[in-house]
PDB file of N, CA and C in Angstrom:
ATOM      1  N   MET A   1      51.924 -10.988  -0.235  1.00  0.00           N
ATOM      2  CA  MET A   1      50.787 -10.162  -0.973  1.00  0.00           C
ATOM      3  C   MET A   1      49.146 -10.946  -0.765  1.00  0.00           C
ATOM      4  N   LYS A   2      49.195 -12.509  -0.500  1.00  0.00           N
ATOM      5  CA  LYS A   2      48.177 -13.004  -0.296  1.00  0.00           C
ATOM      6  C   LYS A   2      47.757 -13.029   1.273  1.00  0.00           C
ATOM      7  N   LYS A   3      48.742 -12.826   2.235  1.00  0.00           N
ATOM      8  CA  LYS A   3      48.564 -12.626   3.070  1.00  0.00           C
ATOM      9  C   LYS A   3      47.832 -11.169   3.443  1.00  0.00           C
ATOM     10  N   MET A   4      47.955 -10.708   2.767  1.00  0.00           N
ATOM     11  CA  MET A   4      47.457  -8.969   3.197  1.00  0.00           C
ATOM     12  C   MET A   4      46.506  -9.176   2.503  1.00  0.00           C
ATOM     13  N   GLN A   5      46.207  -9.682   1.472  1.00  0.00           N
ATOM     14  CA  GLN A   5      44.679  -9.795   0.543  1.00  0.00           C
ATOM     15  C   GLN A   5      43.710 -10.681   1.938  1.00  0.00           C
ATOM     16  N   ARG A   6      44.145 -11.388   2.636  1.00  0.00           N
ATOM     17  CA  ARG A   6      43.255 -12.118   3.346  1.00  0.00           C
ATOM     18  C   ARG A   6      42.932 -11.310   4.629  1.00  0.00           C
ATOM     19  N   ILE A   7      44.090 -10.850   4.883  1.00  0.00           N
ATOM     20  CA  ILE A   7      43.698  -9.436   6.062  1.00  0.00           C
ATOM     21  C   ILE A   7      42.438  -8.674   5.733  1.00  0.00           C
ATOM     22  N   HIS A   8      42.888  -8.229   4.540  1.00  0.00           N
ATOM     23  CA  HIS A   8      41.536  -7.575   4.006  1.00  0.00           C
ATOM     24  C   HIS A   8      40.247  -7.845   4.074  1.00  0.00           C
ATOM     25  N   GLU A   9      40.471  -9.133   3.473  1.00  0.00           N
ATOM     26  CA  GLU A   9      38.649  -9.537   3.118  1.00  0.00           C
ATOM     27  C   GLU A   9      38.089 -10.355   4.622  1.00  0.00           C
ATOM     28  N   ALA A  10      39.355 -10.246   5.407  1.00  0.00           N
ATOM     29  CA  ALA A  10      38.705 -10.732   7.032  1.00  0.00           C
ATOM     30  C   ALA A  10      38.029  -9.323   7.383  1.00  0.00           C
ATOM     31  N   GLU A  11      39.097  -8.351   7.457  1.00  0.00           N
ATOM     32  CA  GLU A  11      38.511  -7.192   7.775  1.00  0.00           C
ATOM     33  C   GLU A  11      37.135  -6.594   7.135  1.00  0.00           C
ATOM     34  N   VAL A  12      36.931  -6.897   5.605  1.00  0.00           N
ATOM     35  CA  VAL A  12      35.639  -6.365   5.468  1.00  0.00           C
ATOM     36  C   VAL A  12      34.395  -7.414   5.634  1.00  0.00           C
ATOM     37  N   MET A  13      34.655  -8.491   5.873  1.00  0.00           N
ATOM     38  CA  MET A  13      33.853  -9.471   6.403  1.00  0.00           C
ATOM     39  C   MET A  13      33.361  -9.277   8.256  1.00  0.00           C
ATOM     40  N   ASP A  14      34.372  -8.539   8.696  1.00  0.00           N
ATOM     41  CA  ASP A  14      34.153  -8.120   9.952  1.00  0.00           C
ATOM     42  C   ASP A  14      33.147  -7.116   9.759  1.00  0.00           C
ATOM     43  N   THR A  15      33.391  -5.766   8.928  1.00  0.00           N
ATOM     44  CA  THR A  15      32.696  -4.696   8.744  1.00  0.00           C
ATOM     45  C   THR A  15      31.244  -5.125   8.448  1.00  0.00           C
ATOM     46  N   ARG A  16      31.116  -5.995   7.433  1.00  0.00           N
ATOM     47  CA  ARG A  16      29.730  -6.291   7.016  1.00  0.00           C
ATOM     48  C   ARG A  16      28.763  -7.091   7.958  1.00  0.00           C
ATOM     49  N   GLU A  17      29.455  -7.947   8.667  1.00  0.00           N
ATOM     50  CA  GLU A  17      28.984  -8.580   9.962  1.00  0.00           C
ATOM     51  C   GLU A  17      28.390  -7.526  11.024  1.00  0.00           C
ATOM     52  N   HIS A  18      28.935  -6.619  11.194  1.00  0.00           N
ATOM     53  CA  HIS A  18      28.779  -5.374  12.201  1.00  0.00           C
ATOM     54  C   HIS A  18      27.978  -4.557  11.574  1.00  0.00           C
ATOM     55  N   ALA A  19      27.576  -4.279  10.352  1.00  0.00           N
ATOM     56  CA  ALA A  19      26.714  -3.494   9.639  1.00  0.00           C
ATOM     57  C   ALA A  19      25.519  -4.049   9.923  1.00  0.00           C
ATOM     58  N   ASN A  20      25.789  -5.341   9.566  1.00  0.00           N
ATOM     59  CA  ASN A  20      24.247  -6.200   9.695  1.00  0.00           C
ATOM     60  C   ASN A  20      23.713  -6.174  10.670  1.00  0.00           C
ATOM     61  N   SER A  21      24.608  -6.522  11.875  1.00  0.00           N
ATOM     62  CA  SER A  21      23.938  -6.373  13.280  1.00  0.00           C
ATOM     63  C   SER A  21      23.414  -5.244  14.028  1.00  0.00           C
ATOM     64  N   VAL A  22      24.083  -4.363  13.231  1.00  0.00           N
ATOM     65  CA  VAL A  22      23.637  -2.942  13.590  1.00  0.00           C
ATOM     66  C   VAL A  22      22.279  -2.436  12.962  1.00  0.00           C
ATOM     67  N   ALA A  23      21.932  -3.046  11.905  1.00  0.00           N
ATOM     68  CA  ALA A  23      20.923  -2.986  11.295  1.00  0.00           C
ATOM     69  C   ALA A  23      19.550  -3.741  11.683  1.00  0.00           C
ATOM     70  N   LYS A  24      19.973  -5.190  11.895  1.00  0.00           N
ATOM     71  CA  LYS A  24      18.845  -5.835  12.680  1.00  0.00           C
ATOM     72  C   LYS A  24      18.686  -5.191  13.968  1.00  0.00           C
ATOM     73  N   ALA A  25      19.690  -4.883  14.823  1.00  0.00           N
ATOM     74  CA  ALA A  25      19.211  -4.131  16.213  1.00  0.00           C
ATOM     75  C   ALA A  25      18.032  -3.000  16.000  1.00  0.00           C
ATOM     76  N   PHE A  26      18.638  -1.980  14.696  1.00  0.00           N
ATOM     77  CA  PHE A  26      17.963  -0.846  14.413  1.00  0.00           C
ATOM     78  C   PHE A  26      16.289  -1.056  14.177  1.00  0.00           C
ATOM     79  N   VAL A  27      16.080  -2.203  13.435  1.00  0.00           N
ATOM     80  CA  VAL A  27      14.928  -2.765  12.977  1.00  0.00           C
ATOM     81  C   VAL A  27      14.347  -3.493  14.066  1.00  0.00           C
ATOM     82  N   ARG A  28      15.047  -4.173  15.193  1.00  0.00           N
ATOM     83  CA  ARG A  28      14.060  -4.291  16.224  1.00  0.00           C
ATOM     84  C   ARG A  28      13.872  -3.152  17.095  1.00  0.00           C
ATOM     85  N   GLY A  29      14.100  -2.516  17.126  1.00  0.00           N
ATOM     86  CA  GLY A  29      14.242  -1.027  18.032  1.00  0.00           C
ATOM     87  C   GLY A  29      12.883  -0.321  17.262  1.00  0.00           C
ATOM     88  N   LEU A  30      12.926  -0.206  16.001  1.00  0.00           N
ATOM     89  CA  LEU A  30      11.842   0.423  15.365  1.00  0.00           C
ATOM     90  C   LEU A  30      10.327  -0.379  15.551  1.00  0.00           C
ATOM     91  N   PHE A  31      10.337  -1.812  15.567  1.00  0.00           N
ATOM     92  CA  PHE A  31       9.567  -2.604  15.706  1.00  0.00           C
ATOM     93  C   PHE A  31       8.982  -2.432  17.079  1.00  0.00           C
ATOM     94  N   ALA A  32       9.961  -2.420  17.947  1.00  0.00           N
ATOM     95  CA  ALA A  32       9.823  -2.518  19.801  1.00  0.00           C
ATOM     96  C   ALA A  32       9.167  -1.081  19.815  1.00  0.00           C
ATOM     97  N   GLY A  33       9.585   0.047  19.482  1.00  0.00           N
ATOM     98  CA  GLY A  33       9.159   1.375  19.630  1.00  0.00           C
ATOM     99  C   GLY A  33       7.877   1.665  19.208  1.00  0.00           C
ATOM    100  N   GLY A  34       7.431   0.717  17.934  1.00  0.00           N
ATOM    101  CA  GLY A  34       6.108   1.353  17.386  1.00  0.00           C
ATOM    102  C   GLY A  34       5.179   0.320  18.435  1.00  0.00           C
ATOM    103  N   ALA A  35       5.339  -1.190  19.101  1.00  0.00           N
ATOM    104  CA  ALA A  35       4.379  -1.453  19.666  1.00  0.00           C
ATOM    105  C   ALA A  35       4.717  -1.064  20.924  1.00  0.00           C
ATOM    106  N   LEU A  36       5.701  -0.330  21.688  1.00  0.00           N
ATOM    107  CA  LEU A  36       5.198   0.842  22.925  1.00  0.00           C
ATOM    108  C   LEU A  36       4.364   1.800  22.750  1.00  0.00           C
ATOM    109  N   GLY A  37       4.283   2.229  21.621  1.00  0.00           N
ATOM    110  CA  GLY A  37       3.362   3.604  21.069  1.00  0.00           C
ATOM    111  C   GLY A  37       2.477   3.126  20.539  1.00  0.00           C
ATOM    112  N   ALA A  38       1.818   2.299  20.276  1.00  0.00           N
ATOM    113  CA  ALA A  38       0.628   1.656  19.774  1.00  0.00           C
ATOM    114  C   ALA A  38      -0.160   1.872  21.468  1.00  0.00           C
ATOM    115  N   GLY A  39       0.860   0.795  22.156  1.00  0.00           N
ATOM    116  CA  GLY A  39       0.239   0.289  23.591  1.00  0.00           C
ATOM    117  C   GLY A  39      -0.107   1.821  24.512  1.00  0.00           C
ATOM    118  N   ALA A  40       0.739   2.684  24.587  1.00  0.00           N
ATOM    119  CA  ALA A  40       0.744   3.887  25.094  1.00  0.00           C
ATOM    120  C   ALA A  40      -0.750   4.683  24.682  1.00  0.00           C
ATOM    121  N   MET A  41      -0.626   4.395  23.140  1.00  0.00           N
ATOM    122  CA  MET A  41      -1.836   5.336  22.959  1.00  0.00           C
ATOM    123  C   MET A  41      -3.186   5.101  23.294  1.00  0.00           C
ATOM    124  N   PHE A  42      -3.133   3.568  23.174  1.00  0.00           N
ATOM    125  CA  PHE A  42      -4.516   2.870  23.677  1.00  0.00           C
ATOM    126  C   PHE A  42      -4.538   3.092  25.139  1.00  0.00           C
ATOM    127  N   LEU A  43      -3.263   3.342  25.918  1.00  0.00           N
ATOM    128  CA  LEU A  43      -3.877   3.602  27.235  1.00  0.00           C
ATOM    129  C   LEU A  43      -3.969   4.807  27.576  1.00  0.00           C
ATOM    130  N   PHE A  44      -3.595   6.068  26.867  1.00  0.00           N
ATOM    131  CA  PHE A  44      -3.779   7.032  27.290  1.00  0.00           C
ATOM    132  C   PHE A  44      -4.791   8.208  26.540  1.00  0.00           C
ATOM    133  N   ALA A  45      -5.566   7.145  25.476  1.00  0.00           N
ATOM    134  CA  ALA A  45      -6.251   7.809  24.639  1.00  0.00           C
ATOM    135  C   ALA A  45      -7.664   8.586  25.310  1.00  0.00           C
ATOM    136  N   PRO A  46      -7.945   9.614  24.592  1.00  0.00           N
ATOM    137  CA  PRO A  46      -9.189  10.421  25.614  1.00  0.00           C
ATOM    138  C   PRO A  46     -10.251  10.044  25.509  1.00  0.00           C
ATOM    139  N   LYS A  47     -10.536   8.780  24.461  1.00  0.00           N
ATOM    140  CA  LYS A  47     -12.175   8.245  24.259  1.00  0.00           C
ATOM    141  C   LYS A  47     -12.116   7.111  24.847  1.00  0.00           C
ATOM    142  N   SER A  48     -13.103   6.469  25.271  1.00  0.00           N
ATOM    143  CA  SER A  48     -13.364   4.990  25.381  1.00  0.00           C
ATOM    144  C   SER A  48     -12.875   4.198  24.576  1.00  0.00           C
ATOM    145  N   GLY A  49     -12.874   2.925  24.420  1.00  0.00           N
ATOM    146  CA  GLY A  49     -12.715   1.653  23.529  1.00  0.00           C
ATOM    147  C   GLY A  49     -13.780   1.851  22.579  1.00  0.00           C
ATOM    148  N   LYS A  50     -14.997   2.111  23.478  1.00  0.00           N
ATOM    149  CA  LYS A  50     -16.086   1.699  22.839  1.00  0.00           C
ATOM    150  C   LYS A  50     -16.207   2.932  21.511  1.00  0.00           C
ATOM    151  N   ARG A  51     -16.307   4.330  22.054  1.00  0.00           N
ATOM    152  CA  ARG A  51     -16.205   5.623  21.322  1.00  0.00           C
ATOM    153  C   ARG A  51     -15.163   5.325  20.274  1.00  0.00           C
ATOM    154  N   SER A  52     -14.189   4.833  20.373  1.00  0.00           N
ATOM    155  CA  SER A  52     -13.232   4.504  19.562  1.00  0.00           C
ATOM    156  C   SER A  52     -13.459   3.944  18.377  1.00  0.00           C
ATOM    157  N   ARG A  53     -13.692   2.659  18.407  1.00  0.00           N
ATOM    158  CA  ARG A  53     -14.551   1.756  18.125  1.00  0.00           C
ATOM    159  C   ARG A  53     -15.417   2.089  17.038  1.00  0.00           C
ATOM    160  N   ALA A  54     -16.441   2.859  17.570  1.00  0.00           N
ATOM    161  CA  ALA A  54     -17.333   3.643  16.921  1.00  0.00           C
ATOM    162  C   ALA A  54     -17.086   4.585  15.917  1.00  0.00           C
ATOM    163  N   LYS A  55     -16.186   5.276  15.995  1.00  0.00           N
ATOM    164  CA  LYS A  55     -15.560   6.639  15.498  1.00  0.00           C
ATOM    165  C   LYS A  55     -15.010   5.772  13.997  1.00  0.00           C
ATOM    166  N   ILE A  56     -14.215   4.699  14.382  1.00  0.00           N
ATOM    167  CA  ILE A  56     -13.611   3.750  13.462  1.00  0.00           C
ATOM    168  C   ILE A  56     -14.444   3.135  12.557  1.00  0.00           C
ATOM    169  N   GLN A  57     -15.749   2.479  13.090  1.00  0.00           N
ATOM    170  CA  GLN A  57     -16.767   2.015  12.173  1.00  0.00           C
ATOM    171  C   GLN A  57     -17.491   3.022  11.391  1.00  0.00           C
ATOM    172  N   HIS A  58     -17.482   4.089  12.030  1.00  0.00           N
ATOM    173  CA  HIS A  58     -18.362   5.162  11.273  1.00  0.00           C
ATOM    174  C   HIS A  58     -17.144   5.817   9.681  1.00  0.00           C
ATOM    175  N   GLN A  59     -15.984   5.836   9.988  1.00  0.00           N
ATOM    176  CA  GLN A  59     -14.894   6.408   9.000  1.00  0.00           C
ATOM    177  C   GLN A  59     -14.927   4.892   7.904  1.00  0.00           C
ATOM    178  N   TYR A  60     -14.714   3.788   8.363  1.00  0.00           N
ATOM    179  CA  TYR A  60     -14.918   2.691   7.543  1.00  0.00           C
ATOM    180  C   TYR A  60     -15.957   2.971   6.872  1.00  0.00           C
ATOM    181  N   ASP A  61     -17.589   2.592   7.165  1.00  0.00           N
ATOM    182  CA  ASP A  61     -18.751   3.108   6.537  1.00  0.00           C
ATOM    183  C   ASP A  61     -18.452   4.356   5.567  1.00  0.00           C
ATOM    184  N   GLU A  62     -18.263   5.274   5.982  1.00  0.00           N
ATOM    185  CA  GLU A  62     -18.057   6.375   4.808  1.00  0.00           C
ATOM    186  C   GLU A  62     -16.813   6.042   3.646  1.00  0.00           C
ATOM    187  N   PHE A  63     -15.667   5.451   4.075  1.00  0.00           N
ATOM    188  CA  PHE A  63     -15.132   5.042   3.154  1.00  0.00           C
ATOM    189  C   PHE A  63     -15.758   4.251   2.201  1.00  0.00           C
ATOM    190  N   ARG A  64     -16.392   3.108   2.630  1.00  0.00           N
ATOM    191  CA  ARG A  64     -16.762   1.923   1.910  1.00  0.00           C
ATOM    192  C   ARG A  64     -17.986   2.752   0.910  1.00  0.00           C
ATOM    193  N   ASP A  65     -18.389   3.771   1.320  1.00  0.00           N
ATOM    194  CA  ASP A  65     -19.603   4.174   0.621  1.00  0.00           C
ATOM    195  C   ASP A  65     -19.318   5.328  -0.740  1.00  0.00           C
ATOM    196  N   GLN A  66     -17.925   5.722  -0.302  1.00  0.00           N
ATOM    197  CA  GLN A  66     -17.148   6.339  -1.304  1.00  0.00           C
ATOM    198  C   GLN A  66     -16.668   5.186  -2.494  1.00  0.00           C
ATOM    199  N   ILE A  67     -16.512   4.166  -2.087  1.00  0.00           N
ATOM    200  CA  ILE A  67     -15.837   3.335  -2.924  1.00  0.00           C
ATOM    201  C   ILE A  67     -16.580   2.859  -3.944  1.00  0.00           C
ATOM    202  N   ARG A  68     -17.998   2.540  -3.120  1.00  0.00           N
ATOM    203  CA  ARG A  68     -18.936   2.416  -3.933  1.00  0.00           C
ATOM    204  C   ARG A  68     -19.517   3.115  -4.980  1.00  0.00           C
ATOM    205  N   GLU A  69     -19.474   4.474  -4.375  1.00  0.00           N
ATOM    206  CA  GLU A  69     -19.921   5.307  -5.399  1.00  0.00           C
ATOM    207  C   GLU A  69     -18.801   5.294  -6.596  1.00  0.00           C
ATOM    208  N   SER A  70     -17.736   5.382  -6.246  1.00  0.00           N
ATOM    209  CA  SER A  70     -16.636   5.503  -7.166  1.00  0.00           C
ATOM    210  C   SER A  70     -16.895   4.803  -8.314  1.00  0.00           C
ATOM    211  N   LEU A  71     -17.006   3.203  -7.928  1.00  0.00           N
ATOM    212  CA  LEU A  71     -17.209   2.077  -8.617  1.00  0.00           C
ATOM    213  C   LEU A  71     -18.521   2.274  -9.260  1.00  0.00           C
ATOM    214  N   GLU A  72     -19.612   3.117  -9.083  1.00  0.00           N
ATOM    215  CA  GLU A  72     -20.922   2.964  -9.891  1.00  0.00           C
ATOM    216  C   GLU A  72     -20.340   3.752 -10.989  1.00  0.00           C
ATOM    217  N   GLU A  73     -19.684   4.893 -10.670  1.00  0.00           N
ATOM    218  CA  GLU A  73     -19.357   5.781 -11.683  1.00  0.00           C
ATOM    219  C   GLU A  73     -18.480   5.490 -12.678  1.00  0.00           C
ATOM    220  N   ALA A  74     -17.392   4.865 -12.445  1.00  0.00           N
ATOM    221  CA  ALA A  74     -16.461   4.174 -13.218  1.00  0.00           C
ATOM    222  C   ALA A  74     -16.831   3.176 -14.038  1.00  0.00           C
ATOM    223  N   GLU A  75     -18.589   2.364 -13.600  1.00  0.00           N
ATOM    224  CA  GLU A  75     -19.122   1.718 -14.318  1.00  0.00           C
ATOM    225  C   GLU A  75     -20.001   2.369 -15.464  1.00  0.00           C
ATOM    226  N   GLU A  76     -20.688   2.991 -14.791  1.00  0.00           N
ATOM    227  CA  GLU A  76     -21.278   3.976 -15.902  1.00  0.00           C
ATOM    228  C   GLU A  76     -20.782   4.213 -17.236  1.00  0.00           C
ATOM    229  N   GLU A  77     -19.203   4.907 -16.681  1.00  0.00           N
ATOM    230  CA  GLU A  77     -18.614   5.365 -17.987  1.00  0.00           C
ATOM    231  C   GLU A  77     -17.682   4.219 -18.821  1.00  0.00           C
ATOM    232  N   VAL A  78     -17.925   2.940 -17.956  1.00  0.00           N
ATOM    233  CA  VAL A  78     -17.081   2.198 -19.235  1.00  0.00           C
ATOM    234  C   VAL A  78     -18.344   1.908 -19.874  1.00  0.00           C
ATOM    235  N   LEU A  79     -19.805   1.797 -19.463  1.00  0.00           N
ATOM    236  CA  LEU A  79     -20.662   1.356 -20.331  1.00  0.00           C
ATOM    237  C   LEU A  79     -20.854   2.297 -21.424  1.00  0.00           C
ATOM    238  N   GLU A  80     -21.048   3.510 -20.951  1.00  0.00           N
ATOM    239  CA  GLU A  80     -21.162   4.205 -21.921  1.00  0.00           C
ATOM    240  C   GLU A  80     -20.205   4.811 -23.283  1.00  0.00           C
ATOM    241  N   ASN A  81     -18.874   4.608 -22.869  1.00  0.00           N
ATOM    242  CA  ASN A  81     -17.699   4.273 -23.815  1.00  0.00           C
ATOM    243  C   ASN A  81     -17.994   3.270 -24.709  1.00  0.00           C
ATOM    244  N   ALA A  82     -18.535   2.197 -24.160  1.00  0.00           N
ATOM    245  CA  ALA A  82     -18.943   0.849 -24.835  1.00  0.00           C
ATOM    246  C   ALA A  82     -19.957   0.939 -25.780  1.00  0.00           C
ATOM    247  N   ARG A  83     -20.669   1.733 -25.154  1.00  0.00           N
ATOM    248  CA  ARG A  83     -21.900   1.879 -26.343  1.00  0.00           C
ATOM    249  C   ARG A  83     -21.739   2.703 -27.341  1.00  0.00           C
ATOM    250  N   HIS A  84     -20.810   3.689 -27.119  1.00  0.00           N
ATOM    251  CA  HIS A  84     -20.154   4.859 -28.249  1.00  0.00           C
ATOM    252  C   HIS A  84     -19.645   3.829 -28.997  1.00  0.00           C
ATOM    253  N   ALA A  85     -18.629   2.876 -28.776  1.00  0.00           N
ATOM    254  CA  ALA A  85     -17.733   2.333 -29.559  1.00  0.00           C
ATOM    255  C   ALA A  85     -18.596   1.185 -30.240  1.00  0.00           C
ATOM    256  N   SER A  86     -19.541   0.676 -30.089  1.00  0.00           N
ATOM    257  CA  SER A  86     -20.464  -0.037 -30.779  1.00  0.00           C
ATOM    258  C   SER A  86     -21.344   0.549 -31.794  1.00  0.00           C
ATOM    259  N   VAL A  87     -21.520   2.098 -31.483  1.00  0.00           N
ATOM    260  CA  VAL A  87     -22.314   2.957 -32.607  1.00  0.00           C
ATOM    261  C   VAL A  87     -21.218   2.751 -33.829  1.00  0.00           C
ATOM    262  N   GLY A  88     -20.039   3.472 -33.070  1.00  0.00           N
ATOM    263  CA  GLY A  88     -18.824   3.745 -34.119  1.00  0.00           C
ATOM    264  C   GLY A  88     -18.701   2.392 -35.101  1.00  0.00           C
ATOM    265  N   VAL A  89     -18.724   1.424 -34.389  1.00  0.00           N
ATOM    266  CA  VAL A  89     -18.008   0.235 -35.032  1.00  0.00           C
ATOM    267  C   VAL A  89     -19.579  -0.480 -35.914  1.00  0.00           C
ATOM    268  N   ARG A  90     -20.794  -0.060 -35.416  1.00  0.00           N
ATOM    269  CA  ARG A  90     -22.007  -0.437 -36.322  1.00  0.00           C
ATOM    270  C   ARG A  90     -22.201   0.451 -37.691  1.00  0.00           C
ATOM    271  N   GLY A  91     -21.788   1.842 -37.490  1.00  0.00           N
ATOM    272  CA  GLY A  91     -21.831   2.479 -38.293  1.00  0.00           C
ATOM    273  C   GLY A  91     -20.375   2.477 -39.370  1.00  0.00           C
ATOM    274  N   LYS A  92     -19.589   2.138 -39.149  1.00  0.00           N
ATOM    275  CA  LYS A  92     -18.114   1.432 -40.114  1.00  0.00           C
ATOM    276  C   LYS A  92     -18.630   0.479 -40.736  1.00  0.00           C
ATOM    277  N   VAL A  93     -19.122  -0.330 -40.097  1.00  0.00           N
ATOM    278  CA  VAL A  93     -19.624  -2.034 -40.938  1.00  0.00           C
ATOM    279  C   VAL A  93     -20.718  -1.572 -41.817  1.00  0.00           C
ATOM    280  N   LYS A  94     -21.738  -0.666 -41.819  1.00  0.00           N
ATOM    281  CA  LYS A  94     -22.469   0.091 -42.710  1.00  0.00           C
ATOM    282  C   LYS A  94     -21.945   0.516 -43.827  1.00  0.00           C
ATOM    283  N   GLU A  95     -21.013   1.382 -43.249  1.00  0.00           N
ATOM    284  CA  GLU A  95     -19.980   1.937 -44.448  1.00  0.00           C
ATOM    285  C   GLU A  95     -19.402   1.494 -45.339  1.00  0.00           C
ATOM    286  N   LEU A  96     -18.900   0.228 -44.579  1.00  0.00           N
ATOM    287  CA  LEU A  96     -17.871  -0.601 -45.593  1.00  0.00           C
ATOM    288  C   LEU A  96     -19.044  -1.621 -46.197  1.00  0.00           C
ATOM    289  N   GLN A  97     -19.853  -2.092 -46.190  1.00  0.00           N
ATOM    290  CA  GLN A  97     -21.195  -3.011 -46.744  1.00  0.00           C
ATOM    291  C   GLN A  97     -21.460  -1.765 -47.370  1.00  0.00           C
ATOM    292  N   HIS A  98     -21.704  -0.741 -47.757  1.00  0.00           N
ATOM    293  CA  HIS A  98     -21.856  -0.329 -48.877  1.00  0.00           C
ATOM    294  C   HIS A  98     -20.979   0.324 -49.988  1.00  0.00           C
ATOM    295  N   HIS A  99     -19.547  -0.099 -49.868  1.00  0.00           N
ATOM    296  CA  HIS A  99     -18.753   0.275 -50.799  1.00  0.00           C
ATOM    297  C   HIS A  99     -18.469  -1.014 -51.621  1.00  0.00           C
TER     298      HIS A  99
END
């Protein structure tokens, strides 16, 4: 019985090792394919590198401006909520002082 159990454990270990090696090969293939695809994209891109960089810079600038606007709006909203809260607290304090 113990011999059968050891044989089964060895088979399980072999299966796990095989699965791990297949998974590692798959991940390596994904990275290699991604790198080759990126290289091909730059080689066969219809625009020059200078034009691509300018387009990326423009998109970055637009995104940065959108983020700034969103942060400014959020800041204004937080300040407005804080003002309302402080007015409410002051009103409660005065109310409690009268009691």
